[in-house]
Protein backbone atom coordinates (compact mmCIF):
# COMPACT_ATOMS: atom_id res chain seq x y z
CA UNK A 1 0.00 0.00 0.00
CA UNK A 2 1.35 3.42 -0.98
CA UNK A 3 -0.31 6.26 0.88
CA UNK A 4 -1.17 9.31 -1.30
CA UNK A 5 0.29 7.71 -4.41
CA UNK A 6 0.16 9.91 -7.53
CA UNK A 7 -2.43 9.08 -10.21
CA UNK A 8 0.21 8.51 -12.90
CA UNK A 9 0.89 5.09 -11.35
CA UNK A 10 -2.66 3.99 -12.12
CA UNK A 11 -2.88 2.65 -15.68
CA UNK A 12 -5.64 3.77 -18.02
CA UNK A 13 -5.66 0.41 -19.80
CA UNK A 14 -3.78 -2.89 -19.97
CA UNK A 15 -4.00 -5.31 -22.86
CA UNK A 16 -2.35 -7.47 -25.47
CA UNK A 17 -2.59 -8.33 -29.14
CA UNK A 18 -1.18 -11.40 -30.87
CA UNK A 19 0.76 -10.05 -33.86
CA UNK A 20 2.00 -13.36 -35.28
CA UNK A 21 4.24 -13.07 -38.34
CA UNK A 22 5.66 -9.68 -39.35
CA UNK A 23 6.06 -9.73 -43.15
CA UNK A 24 8.37 -6.77 -43.78
CA UNK A 25 6.69 -3.61 -42.49
CA UNK A 26 3.33 -3.81 -40.73
CA UNK A 27 1.05 -1.24 -39.10
CA UNK A 28 -1.25 -2.70 -36.46
CA UNK A 29 -4.00 -0.52 -34.98
CA UNK A 30 -4.58 -1.43 -31.35
CA UNK A 31 -8.14 -0.51 -30.35
CA UNK A 32 -9.64 -0.41 -26.85
CA UNK A 33 -12.59 1.19 -25.02
CA UNK A 34 -12.31 4.99 -24.80
CA UNK A 35 -9.94 6.06 -22.00
CA UNK A 36 -10.96 9.73 -22.23
CA UNK A 37 -7.61 11.11 -23.42
CA UNK A 38 -4.95 10.72 -26.08
CA UNK A 39 -2.32 12.12 -23.71
CA UNK A 40 -0.87 8.84 -22.46
CA UNK A 41 2.36 6.87 -22.60
CA UNK A 42 2.33 3.41 -24.16
CA UNK A 43 4.63 1.05 -22.29
CA UNK A 44 4.96 -2.05 -24.44
CA UNK A 45 6.73 -5.37 -24.60
CA UNK A 46 7.07 -7.81 -27.50
CA UNK A 47 6.80 -11.38 -26.26
CA UNK A 48 8.29 -14.24 -28.26
CA UNK A 49 5.81 -17.05 -28.86
CA UNK A 50 8.03 -18.92 -31.31
CA UNK A 51 11.54 -18.71 -29.88
CA UNK A 52 14.09 -15.91 -29.64
CA UNK A 53 16.13 -17.06 -32.66
CA UNK A 54 13.27 -16.07 -34.99
CA UNK A 55 11.64 -13.26 -33.00
CA UNK A 56 14.54 -10.97 -32.10
CA UNK A 57 15.18 -8.99 -35.31
CA UNK A 58 12.35 -6.48 -34.93
CA UNK A 59 12.02 -2.73 -34.47
CA UNK A 60 8.81 -0.94 -33.53
CA UNK A 61 7.31 2.46 -32.70
CA UNK A 62 3.98 3.84 -31.48
CA UNK A 63 2.14 6.66 -33.31
CA UNK A 64 -1.28 8.20 -33.92
CA UNK A 65 -2.57 7.94 -30.36
CA UNK A 66 -6.28 8.61 -29.85
CA UNK A 67 -8.53 8.08 -26.85
CA UNK A 68 -9.47 4.62 -28.13
CA UNK A 69 -6.51 3.40 -30.23
CA UNK A 70 -2.88 3.73 -31.23
CA UNK A 71 -0.87 2.50 -34.20
CA UNK A 72 2.01 0.10 -33.67
CA UNK A 73 4.50 0.17 -36.56
CA UNK A 74 6.65 -2.98 -36.73
CA UNK A 75 9.46 -3.88 -39.11
CA UNK A 76 11.57 -7.02 -39.38
CA UNK A 77 15.25 -7.08 -40.37
CA UNK A 78 15.36 -10.70 -41.52
CA UNK A 79 13.09 -13.10 -43.36
CA UNK A 80 12.60 -15.32 -40.29
CA UNK A 81 9.04 -16.31 -39.48
CA UNK A 82 8.07 -14.53 -36.27
CA UNK A 83 5.42 -15.38 -33.72
CA UNK A 84 4.95 -12.29 -31.54
CA UNK A 85 2.54 -10.94 -28.95
CA UNK A 86 2.35 -7.25 -28.03
CA UNK A 87 1.63 -6.53 -24.36
CA UNK A 88 0.91 -2.92 -23.41
CA UNK A 89 -0.06 -0.60 -20.57
CA UNK A 90 -1.30 2.98 -21.03
CA UNK A 91 -0.27 5.52 -18.38
CA UNK A 92 -1.67 9.08 -18.28
CA UNK A 93 0.81 11.92 -18.82
PDB file of N, CA and C in Angstrom:
ATOM      1  N   UNK A   1       0.843  -1.179   0.000  1.00  0.00           N
ATOM      2  CA  UNK A   1       0.000   0.000   0.000  1.00  0.00           C
ATOM      3  C   UNK A   1       0.884   1.236   0.000  1.00  0.00           C
ATOM      4  N   UNK A   2       0.624   2.146  -0.930  1.00  0.00           N
ATOM      5  CA  UNK A   2       1.347   3.419  -0.983  1.00  0.00           C
ATOM      6  C   UNK A   2       0.355   4.521  -0.656  1.00  0.00           C
ATOM      7  N   UNK A   3       0.578   5.187   0.463  1.00  0.00           N
ATOM      8  CA  UNK A   3      -0.315   6.261   0.879  1.00  0.00           C
ATOM      9  C   UNK A   3      -0.094   7.487  -0.010  1.00  0.00           C
ATOM     10  N   UNK A   4      -1.191   8.107  -0.462  1.00  0.00           N
ATOM     11  CA  UNK A   4      -1.168   9.314  -1.296  1.00  0.00           C
ATOM     12  C   UNK A   4      -0.364   9.127  -2.580  1.00  0.00           C
ATOM     13  N   UNK A   5      -0.460   7.947  -3.182  1.00  0.00           N
ATOM     14  CA  UNK A   5       0.286   7.714  -4.414  1.00  0.00           C
ATOM     15  C   UNK A   5      -0.256   8.610  -5.528  1.00  0.00           C
ATOM     16  N   UNK A   6       0.614   9.083  -6.413  1.00  0.00           N
ATOM     17  CA  UNK A   6       0.158   9.912  -7.532  1.00  0.00           C
ATOM     18  C   UNK A   6      -0.643   9.085  -8.537  1.00  0.00           C
ATOM     19  N   UNK A   7      -1.562   9.751  -9.255  1.00  0.00           N
ATOM     20  CA  UNK A   7      -2.425   9.079 -10.209  1.00  0.00           C
ATOM     21  C   UNK A   7      -1.675   8.479 -11.395  1.00  0.00           C
ATOM     22  N   UNK A   8      -0.491   9.005 -11.718  1.00  0.00           N
ATOM     23  CA  UNK A   8       0.206   8.506 -12.896  1.00  0.00           C
ATOM     24  C   UNK A   8       0.620   7.043 -12.744  1.00  0.00           C
ATOM     25  N   UNK A   9       0.580   6.504 -11.538  1.00  0.00           N
ATOM     26  CA  UNK A   9       0.893   5.090 -11.347  1.00  0.00           C
ATOM     27  C   UNK A   9      -0.291   4.186 -11.655  1.00  0.00           C
ATOM     28  N   UNK A  10      -1.459   4.760 -11.820  1.00  0.00           N
ATOM     29  CA  UNK A  10      -2.656   3.987 -12.123  1.00  0.00           C
ATOM     30  C   UNK A  10      -2.830   3.928 -13.639  1.00  0.00           C
ATOM     31  N   UNK A  11      -2.755   2.728 -14.229  1.00  0.00           N
ATOM     32  CA  UNK A  11      -2.879   2.649 -15.684  1.00  0.00           C
ATOM     33  C   UNK A  11      -4.287   2.962 -16.166  1.00  0.00           C
ATOM     34  N   UNK A  12      -4.355   3.529 -17.361  1.00  0.00           N
ATOM     35  CA  UNK A  12      -5.639   3.766 -18.016  1.00  0.00           C
ATOM     36  C   UNK A  12      -6.182   2.478 -18.623  1.00  0.00           C
ATOM     37  N   UNK A  13      -5.266   1.629 -19.100  1.00  0.00           N
ATOM     38  CA  UNK A  13      -5.664   0.410 -19.800  1.00  0.00           C
ATOM     39  C   UNK A  13      -4.492  -0.550 -19.848  1.00  0.00           C
ATOM     40  N   UNK A  14      -4.764  -1.832 -19.753  1.00  0.00           N
ATOM     41  CA  UNK A  14      -3.779  -2.889 -19.973  1.00  0.00           C
ATOM     42  C   UNK A  14      -4.352  -3.830 -21.014  1.00  0.00           C
ATOM     43  N   UNK A  15      -3.497  -4.377 -21.866  1.00  0.00           N
ATOM     44  CA  UNK A  15      -4.002  -5.305 -22.856  1.00  0.00           C
ATOM     45  C   UNK A  15      -2.898  -5.990 -23.626  1.00  0.00           C
ATOM     46  N   UNK A  16      -3.309  -6.791 -24.608  1.00  0.00           N
ATOM     47  CA  UNK A  16      -2.354  -7.468 -25.470  1.00  0.00           C
ATOM     48  C   UNK A  16      -2.993  -7.711 -26.828  1.00  0.00           C
ATOM     49  N   UNK A  17      -2.137  -7.973 -27.797  1.00  0.00           N
ATOM     50  CA  UNK A  17      -2.585  -8.328 -29.141  1.00  0.00           C
ATOM     51  C   UNK A  17      -1.581  -9.315 -29.717  1.00  0.00           C
ATOM     52  N   UNK A  18      -2.062 -10.441 -30.214  1.00  0.00           N
ATOM     53  CA  UNK A  18      -1.180 -11.397 -30.872  1.00  0.00           C
ATOM     54  C   UNK A  18      -0.912 -10.878 -32.281  1.00  0.00           C
ATOM     55  N   UNK A  19       0.367 -10.601 -32.565  1.00  0.00           N
ATOM     56  CA  UNK A  19       0.759 -10.050 -33.859  1.00  0.00           C
ATOM     57  C   UNK A  19       1.095 -11.150 -34.858  1.00  0.00           C
ATOM     58  N   UNK A  20       1.617 -12.268 -34.385  1.00  0.00           N
ATOM     59  CA  UNK A  20       1.999 -13.358 -35.279  1.00  0.00           C
ATOM     60  C   UNK A  20       3.205 -13.000 -36.116  1.00  0.00           C
ATOM     61  N   UNK A  21       3.156 -13.313 -37.397  1.00  0.00           N
ATOM     62  CA  UNK A  21       4.239 -13.073 -38.343  1.00  0.00           C
ATOM     63  C   UNK A  21       4.272 -11.603 -38.766  1.00  0.00           C
ATOM     64  N   UNK A  22       5.471 -11.048 -38.883  1.00  0.00           N
ATOM     65  CA  UNK A  22       5.661  -9.679 -39.351  1.00  0.00           C
ATOM     66  C   UNK A  22       6.299  -9.759 -40.741  1.00  0.00           C
ATOM     67  N   UNK A  23       5.509  -9.637 -41.802  1.00  0.00           N
ATOM     68  CA  UNK A  23       6.057  -9.731 -43.153  1.00  0.00           C
ATOM     69  C   UNK A  23       6.572  -8.377 -43.656  1.00  0.00           C
ATOM     70  N   UNK A  24       7.810  -8.064 -43.348  1.00  0.00           N
ATOM     71  CA  UNK A  24       8.369  -6.773 -43.783  1.00  0.00           C
ATOM     72  C   UNK A  24       7.983  -5.665 -42.828  1.00  0.00           C
ATOM     73  N   UNK A  25       7.183  -4.719 -43.311  1.00  0.00           N
ATOM     74  CA  UNK A  25       6.690  -3.608 -42.491  1.00  0.00           C
ATOM     75  C   UNK A  25       5.188  -3.775 -42.289  1.00  0.00           C
ATOM     76  N   UNK A  26       4.745  -3.616 -41.059  1.00  0.00           N
ATOM     77  CA  UNK A  26       3.333  -3.807 -40.726  1.00  0.00           C
ATOM     78  C   UNK A  26       2.889  -2.673 -39.810  1.00  0.00           C
ATOM     79  N   UNK A  27       1.680  -2.169 -40.028  1.00  0.00           N
ATOM     80  CA  UNK A  27       1.045  -1.239 -39.102  1.00  0.00           C
ATOM     81  C   UNK A  27      -0.155  -1.944 -38.498  1.00  0.00           C
ATOM     82  N   UNK A  28      -0.154  -2.060 -37.179  1.00  0.00           N
ATOM     83  CA  UNK A  28      -1.252  -2.699 -36.459  1.00  0.00           C
ATOM     84  C   UNK A  28      -1.940  -1.623 -35.633  1.00  0.00           C
ATOM     85  N   UNK A  29      -3.239  -1.453 -35.813  1.00  0.00           N
ATOM     86  CA  UNK A  29      -4.000  -0.523 -34.985  1.00  0.00           C
ATOM     87  C   UNK A  29      -4.527  -1.283 -33.784  1.00  0.00           C
ATOM     88  N   UNK A  30      -4.142  -0.826 -32.611  1.00  0.00           N
ATOM     89  CA  UNK A  30      -4.580  -1.428 -31.348  1.00  0.00           C
ATOM     90  C   UNK A  30      -5.755  -0.597 -30.848  1.00  0.00           C
ATOM     91  N   UNK A  31      -6.922  -1.206 -30.779  1.00  0.00           N
ATOM     92  CA  UNK A  31      -8.141  -0.511 -30.347  1.00  0.00           C
ATOM     93  C   UNK A  31      -8.560  -1.001 -28.967  1.00  0.00           C
ATOM     94  N   UNK A  32      -9.203  -0.109 -28.213  1.00  0.00           N
ATOM     95  CA  UNK A  32      -9.644  -0.409 -26.853  1.00  0.00           C
ATOM     96  C   UNK A  32     -10.778   0.537 -26.509  1.00  0.00           C
ATOM     97  N   UNK A  33     -11.536   0.254 -25.437  1.00  0.00           N
ATOM     98  CA  UNK A  33     -12.592   1.186 -25.019  1.00  0.00           C
ATOM     99  C   UNK A  33     -12.004   2.566 -24.709  1.00  0.00           C
ATOM    100  N   UNK A  34     -12.759   3.598 -24.972  1.00  0.00           N
ATOM    101  CA  UNK A  34     -12.314   4.986 -24.801  1.00  0.00           C
ATOM    102  C   UNK A  34     -11.783   5.220 -23.389  1.00  0.00           C
ATOM    103  N   UNK A  35     -10.545   5.747 -23.298  1.00  0.00           N
ATOM    104  CA  UNK A  35      -9.939   6.059 -22.004  1.00  0.00           C
ATOM    105  C   UNK A  35     -10.040   7.542 -21.661  1.00  0.00           C
ATOM    106  N   UNK A  36     -10.686   8.337 -22.529  1.00  0.00           N
ATOM    107  CA  UNK A  36     -10.958   9.733 -22.230  1.00  0.00           C
ATOM    108  C   UNK A  36      -9.845  10.710 -22.547  1.00  0.00           C
ATOM    109  N   UNK A  37      -8.727  10.234 -23.088  1.00  0.00           N
ATOM    110  CA  UNK A  37      -7.612  11.114 -23.418  1.00  0.00           C
ATOM    111  C   UNK A  37      -6.711  10.441 -24.442  1.00  0.00           C
ATOM    112  N   UNK A  38      -5.994  11.254 -25.203  1.00  0.00           N
ATOM    113  CA  UNK A  38      -4.954  10.724 -26.079  1.00  0.00           C
ATOM    114  C   UNK A  38      -3.573  11.098 -25.531  1.00  0.00           C
ATOM    115  N   UNK A  39      -3.558  11.693 -24.348  1.00  0.00           N
ATOM    116  CA  UNK A  39      -2.323  12.118 -23.708  1.00  0.00           C
ATOM    117  C   UNK A  39      -1.873  11.036 -22.717  1.00  0.00           C
ATOM    118  N   UNK A  40      -1.325   9.958 -23.279  1.00  0.00           N
ATOM    119  CA  UNK A  40      -0.868   8.843 -22.461  1.00  0.00           C
ATOM    120  C   UNK A  40       0.447   8.298 -23.021  1.00  0.00           C
ATOM    121  N   UNK A  41       1.137   7.547 -22.194  1.00  0.00           N
ATOM    122  CA  UNK A  41       2.358   6.865 -22.597  1.00  0.00           C
ATOM    123  C   UNK A  41       2.024   5.397 -22.806  1.00  0.00           C
ATOM    124  N   UNK A  42       2.489   4.842 -23.914  1.00  0.00           N
ATOM    125  CA  UNK A  42       2.326   3.411 -24.162  1.00  0.00           C
ATOM    126  C   UNK A  42       3.609   2.715 -23.722  1.00  0.00           C
ATOM    127  N   UNK A  43       3.505   1.891 -22.712  1.00  0.00           N
ATOM    128  CA  UNK A  43       4.631   1.053 -22.287  1.00  0.00           C
ATOM    129  C   UNK A  43       4.354  -0.328 -22.861  1.00  0.00           C
ATOM    130  N   UNK A  44       5.245  -0.816 -23.728  1.00  0.00           N
ATOM    131  CA  UNK A  44       4.962  -2.052 -24.435  1.00  0.00           C
ATOM    132  C   UNK A  44       6.109  -3.036 -24.343  1.00  0.00           C
ATOM    133  N   UNK A  45       5.759  -4.289 -24.586  1.00  0.00           N
ATOM    134  CA  UNK A  45       6.729  -5.368 -24.604  1.00  0.00           C
ATOM    135  C   UNK A  45       6.336  -6.330 -25.721  1.00  0.00           C
ATOM    136  N   UNK A  46       7.311  -6.760 -26.511  1.00  0.00           N
ATOM    137  CA  UNK A  46       7.070  -7.805 -27.501  1.00  0.00           C
ATOM    138  C   UNK A  46       7.494  -9.131 -26.887  1.00  0.00           C
ATOM    139  N   UNK A  47       6.572 -10.082 -26.864  1.00  0.00           N
ATOM    140  CA  UNK A  47       6.804 -11.383 -26.256  1.00  0.00           C
ATOM    141  C   UNK A  47       6.967 -12.413 -27.367  1.00  0.00           C
ATOM    142  N   UNK A  48       8.036 -13.193 -27.281  1.00  0.00           N
ATOM    143  CA  UNK A  48       8.286 -14.237 -28.262  1.00  0.00           C
ATOM    144  C   UNK A  48       7.401 -15.444 -27.973  1.00  0.00           C
ATOM    145  N   UNK A  49       6.620 -15.848 -28.971  1.00  0.00           N
ATOM    146  CA  UNK A  49       5.811 -17.050 -28.858  1.00  0.00           C
ATOM    147  C   UNK A  49       6.435 -18.207 -29.634  1.00  0.00           C
ATOM    148  N   UNK A  50       7.455 -17.903 -30.442  1.00  0.00           N
ATOM    149  CA  UNK A  50       8.032 -18.915 -31.313  1.00  0.00           C
ATOM    150  C   UNK A  50       9.503 -19.195 -31.073  1.00  0.00           C
ATOM    151  N   UNK A  51      10.125 -18.510 -30.150  1.00  0.00           N
ATOM    152  CA  UNK A  51      11.540 -18.710 -29.881  1.00  0.00           C
ATOM    153  C   UNK A  51      12.363 -17.497 -30.258  1.00  0.00           C
ATOM    154  N   UNK A  52      13.333 -17.152 -29.427  1.00  0.00           N
ATOM    155  CA  UNK A  52      14.091 -15.913 -29.636  1.00  0.00           C
ATOM    156  C   UNK A  52      14.936 -15.901 -30.905  1.00  0.00           C
ATOM    157  N   UNK A  53      15.315 -17.059 -31.441  1.00  0.00           N
ATOM    158  CA  UNK A  53      16.133 -17.064 -32.657  1.00  0.00           C
ATOM    159  C   UNK A  53      15.384 -16.470 -33.844  1.00  0.00           C
ATOM    160  N   UNK A  54      14.062 -16.604 -33.876  1.00  0.00           N
ATOM    161  CA  UNK A  54      13.269 -16.067 -34.988  1.00  0.00           C
ATOM    162  C   UNK A  54      12.630 -14.727 -34.669  1.00  0.00           C
ATOM    163  N   UNK A  55      12.459 -14.411 -33.403  1.00  0.00           N
ATOM    164  CA  UNK A  55      11.638 -13.265 -33.003  1.00  0.00           C
ATOM    165  C   UNK A  55      12.432 -12.045 -32.556  1.00  0.00           C
ATOM    166  N   UNK A  56      13.753 -12.041 -32.703  1.00  0.00           N
ATOM    167  CA  UNK A  56      14.541 -10.970 -32.101  1.00  0.00           C
ATOM    168  C   UNK A  56      15.019  -9.894 -33.069  1.00  0.00           C
ATOM    169  N   UNK A  57      14.704  -9.986 -34.332  1.00  0.00           N
ATOM    170  CA  UNK A  57      15.184  -8.991 -35.306  1.00  0.00           C
ATOM    171  C   UNK A  57      14.055  -8.062 -35.723  1.00  0.00           C
ATOM    172  N   UNK A  58      13.543  -7.309 -34.754  1.00  0.00           N
ATOM    173  CA  UNK A  58      12.350  -6.478 -34.932  1.00  0.00           C
ATOM    174  C   UNK A  58      12.625  -5.081 -34.381  1.00  0.00           C
ATOM    175  N   UNK A  59      12.061  -4.082 -35.028  1.00  0.00           N
ATOM    176  CA  UNK A  59      12.021  -2.733 -34.468  1.00  0.00           C
ATOM    177  C   UNK A  59      10.568  -2.261 -34.516  1.00  0.00           C
ATOM    178  N   UNK A  60      10.205  -1.375 -33.587  1.00  0.00           N
ATOM    179  CA  UNK A  60       8.805  -0.936 -33.531  1.00  0.00           C
ATOM    180  C   UNK A  60       8.696   0.442 -32.894  1.00  0.00           C
ATOM    181  N   UNK A  61       7.636   1.165 -33.283  1.00  0.00           N
ATOM    182  CA  UNK A  61       7.313   2.465 -32.695  1.00  0.00           C
ATOM    183  C   UNK A  61       5.799   2.605 -32.571  1.00  0.00           C
ATOM    184  N   UNK A  62       5.388   3.510 -31.691  1.00  0.00           N
ATOM    185  CA  UNK A  62       3.976   3.836 -31.478  1.00  0.00           C
ATOM    186  C   UNK A  62       3.709   5.202 -32.097  1.00  0.00           C
ATOM    187  N   UNK A  63       2.534   5.368 -32.730  1.00  0.00           N
ATOM    188  CA  UNK A  63       2.144   6.656 -33.306  1.00  0.00           C
ATOM    189  C   UNK A  63       0.625   6.759 -33.338  1.00  0.00           C
ATOM    190  N   UNK A  64       0.148   7.946 -33.688  1.00  0.00           N
ATOM    191  CA  UNK A  64      -1.283   8.201 -33.915  1.00  0.00           C
ATOM    192  C   UNK A  64      -2.164   7.809 -32.727  1.00  0.00           C
ATOM    193  N   UNK A  65      -1.783   8.261 -31.552  1.00  0.00           N
ATOM    194  CA  UNK A  65      -2.566   7.938 -30.356  1.00  0.00           C
ATOM    195  C   UNK A  65      -3.880   8.711 -30.349  1.00  0.00           C
ATOM    196  N   UNK A  66      -4.961   8.002 -30.069  1.00  0.00           N
ATOM    197  CA  UNK A  66      -6.277   8.609 -29.854  1.00  0.00           C
ATOM    198  C   UNK A  66      -6.796   8.100 -28.517  1.00  0.00           C
ATOM    199  N   UNK A  67      -7.982   8.527 -28.135  1.00  0.00           N
ATOM    200  CA  UNK A  67      -8.529   8.082 -26.849  1.00  0.00           C
ATOM    201  C   UNK A  67      -9.011   6.640 -26.880  1.00  0.00           C
ATOM    202  N   UNK A  68      -9.044   6.029 -28.072  1.00  0.00           N
ATOM    203  CA  UNK A  68      -9.469   4.625 -28.133  1.00  0.00           C
ATOM    204  C   UNK A  68      -8.603   3.753 -29.046  1.00  0.00           C
ATOM    205  N   UNK A  69      -7.404   4.239 -29.415  1.00  0.00           N
ATOM    206  CA  UNK A  69      -6.514   3.404 -30.227  1.00  0.00           C
ATOM    207  C   UNK A  69      -5.128   4.042 -30.347  1.00  0.00           C
ATOM    208  N   UNK A  70      -4.185   3.236 -30.789  1.00  0.00           N
ATOM    209  CA  UNK A  70      -2.881   3.732 -31.226  1.00  0.00           C
ATOM    210  C   UNK A  70      -2.393   2.804 -32.328  1.00  0.00           C
ATOM    211  N   UNK A  71      -1.477   3.319 -33.147  1.00  0.00           N
ATOM    212  CA  UNK A  71      -0.874   2.504 -34.197  1.00  0.00           C
ATOM    213  C   UNK A  71       0.473   2.001 -33.719  1.00  0.00           C
ATOM    214  N   UNK A  72       0.743   0.740 -34.009  1.00  0.00           N
ATOM    215  CA  UNK A  72       2.007   0.099 -33.668  1.00  0.00           C
ATOM    216  C   UNK A  72       2.674  -0.284 -34.980  1.00  0.00           C
ATOM    217  N   UNK A  73       3.755   0.426 -35.332  1.00  0.00           N
ATOM    218  CA  UNK A  73       4.496   0.174 -36.558  1.00  0.00           C
ATOM    219  C   UNK A  73       5.623  -0.804 -36.246  1.00  0.00           C
ATOM    220  N   UNK A  74       5.660  -1.928 -36.971  1.00  0.00           N
ATOM    221  CA  UNK A  74       6.649  -2.978 -36.727  1.00  0.00           C
ATOM    222  C   UNK A  74       7.374  -3.287 -38.038  1.00  0.00           C
ATOM    223  N   UNK A  75       8.685  -3.497 -37.937  1.00  0.00           N
ATOM    224  CA  UNK A  75       9.463  -3.876 -39.111  1.00  0.00           C
ATOM    225  C   UNK A  75      10.450  -4.969 -38.729  1.00  0.00           C
ATOM    226  N   UNK A  76      10.593  -5.964 -39.608  1.00  0.00           N
ATOM    227  CA  UNK A  76      11.571  -7.021 -39.378  1.00  0.00           C
ATOM    228  C   UNK A  76      12.837  -6.731 -40.170  1.00  0.00           C
ATOM    229  N   UNK A  77      13.972  -7.249 -39.684  1.00  0.00           N
ATOM    230  CA  UNK A  77      15.249  -7.077 -40.374  1.00  0.00           C
ATOM    231  C   UNK A  77      15.680  -8.329 -41.126  1.00  0.00           C
ATOM    232  N   UNK A  78      15.015  -9.446 -40.865  1.00  0.00           N
ATOM    233  CA  UNK A  78      15.362 -10.705 -41.523  1.00  0.00           C
ATOM    234  C   UNK A  78      14.091 -11.317 -42.095  1.00  0.00           C
ATOM    235  N   UNK A  79      14.252 -12.418 -42.787  1.00  0.00           N
ATOM    236  CA  UNK A  79      13.090 -13.104 -43.360  1.00  0.00           C
ATOM    237  C   UNK A  79      12.611 -14.250 -42.471  1.00  0.00           C
ATOM    238  N   UNK A  80      13.071 -14.283 -41.227  1.00  0.00           N
ATOM    239  CA  UNK A  80      12.603 -15.315 -40.292  1.00  0.00           C
ATOM    240  C   UNK A  80      11.098 -15.196 -40.102  1.00  0.00           C
ATOM    241  N   UNK A  81      10.466 -16.312 -39.788  1.00  0.00           N
ATOM    242  CA  UNK A  81       9.037 -16.306 -39.481  1.00  0.00           C
ATOM    243  C   UNK A  81       8.870 -16.042 -37.987  1.00  0.00           C
ATOM    244  N   UNK A  82       8.261 -14.908 -37.657  1.00  0.00           N
ATOM    245  CA  UNK A  82       8.070 -14.526 -36.268  1.00  0.00           C
ATOM    246  C   UNK A  82       6.734 -15.051 -35.743  1.00  0.00           C
ATOM    247  N   UNK A  83       6.677 -15.118 -34.428  1.00  0.00           N
ATOM    248  CA  UNK A  83       5.425 -15.381 -33.719  1.00  0.00           C
ATOM    249  C   UNK A  83       5.461 -14.495 -32.484  1.00  0.00           C
ATOM    250  N   UNK A  84       4.810 -13.317 -32.569  1.00  0.00           N
ATOM    251  CA  UNK A  84       4.947 -12.286 -31.542  1.00  0.00           C
ATOM    252  C   UNK A  84       3.609 -11.906 -30.917  1.00  0.00           C
ATOM    253  N   UNK A  85       3.685 -11.503 -29.662  1.00  0.00           N
ATOM    254  CA  UNK A  85       2.539 -10.941 -28.950  1.00  0.00           C
ATOM    255  C   UNK A  85       2.961  -9.593 -28.395  1.00  0.00           C
ATOM    256  N   UNK A  86       2.126  -8.576 -28.586  1.00  0.00           N
ATOM    257  CA  UNK A  86       2.347  -7.246 -28.029  1.00  0.00           C
ATOM    258  C   UNK A  86       1.573  -7.140 -26.721  1.00  0.00           C
ATOM    259  N   UNK A  87       2.270  -6.841 -25.639  1.00  0.00           N
ATOM    260  CA  UNK A  87       1.628  -6.535 -24.360  1.00  0.00           C
ATOM    261  C   UNK A  87       1.829  -5.048 -24.103  1.00  0.00           C
ATOM    262  N   UNK A  88       0.789  -4.366 -23.594  1.00  0.00           N
ATOM    263  CA  UNK A  88       0.912  -2.925 -23.408  1.00  0.00           C
ATOM    264  C   UNK A  88       0.144  -2.449 -22.171  1.00  0.00           C
ATOM    265  N   UNK A  89       0.612  -1.322 -21.647  1.00  0.00           N
ATOM    266  CA  UNK A  89      -0.059  -0.596 -20.565  1.00  0.00           C
ATOM    267  C   UNK A  89      -0.061   0.872 -20.953  1.00  0.00           C
ATOM    268  N   UNK A  90      -1.189   1.540 -20.762  1.00  0.00           N
ATOM    269  CA  UNK A  90      -1.304   2.976 -21.025  1.00  0.00           C
ATOM    270  C   UNK A  90      -1.282   3.724 -19.705  1.00  0.00           C
ATOM    271  N   UNK A  91      -0.364   4.680 -19.569  1.00  0.00           N
ATOM    272  CA  UNK A  91      -0.273   5.524 -18.383  1.00  0.00           C
ATOM    273  C   UNK A  91      -0.580   6.957 -18.764  1.00  0.00           C
ATOM    274  N   UNK A  92      -1.383   7.666 -17.978  1.00  0.00           N
ATOM    275  CA  UNK A  92      -1.667   9.075 -18.277  1.00  0.00           C
ATOM    276  C   UNK A  92      -0.413   9.926 -18.115  1.00  0.00           C
ATOM    277  N   UNK A  93      -0.309  10.973 -18.933  1.00  0.00           N
ATOM    278  CA  UNK A  93       0.811  11.917 -18.822  1.00  0.00           C
ATOM    279  C   UNK A  93       0.366  13.192 -18.122  1.00  0.00           C
TER     280      UNK A  93
END
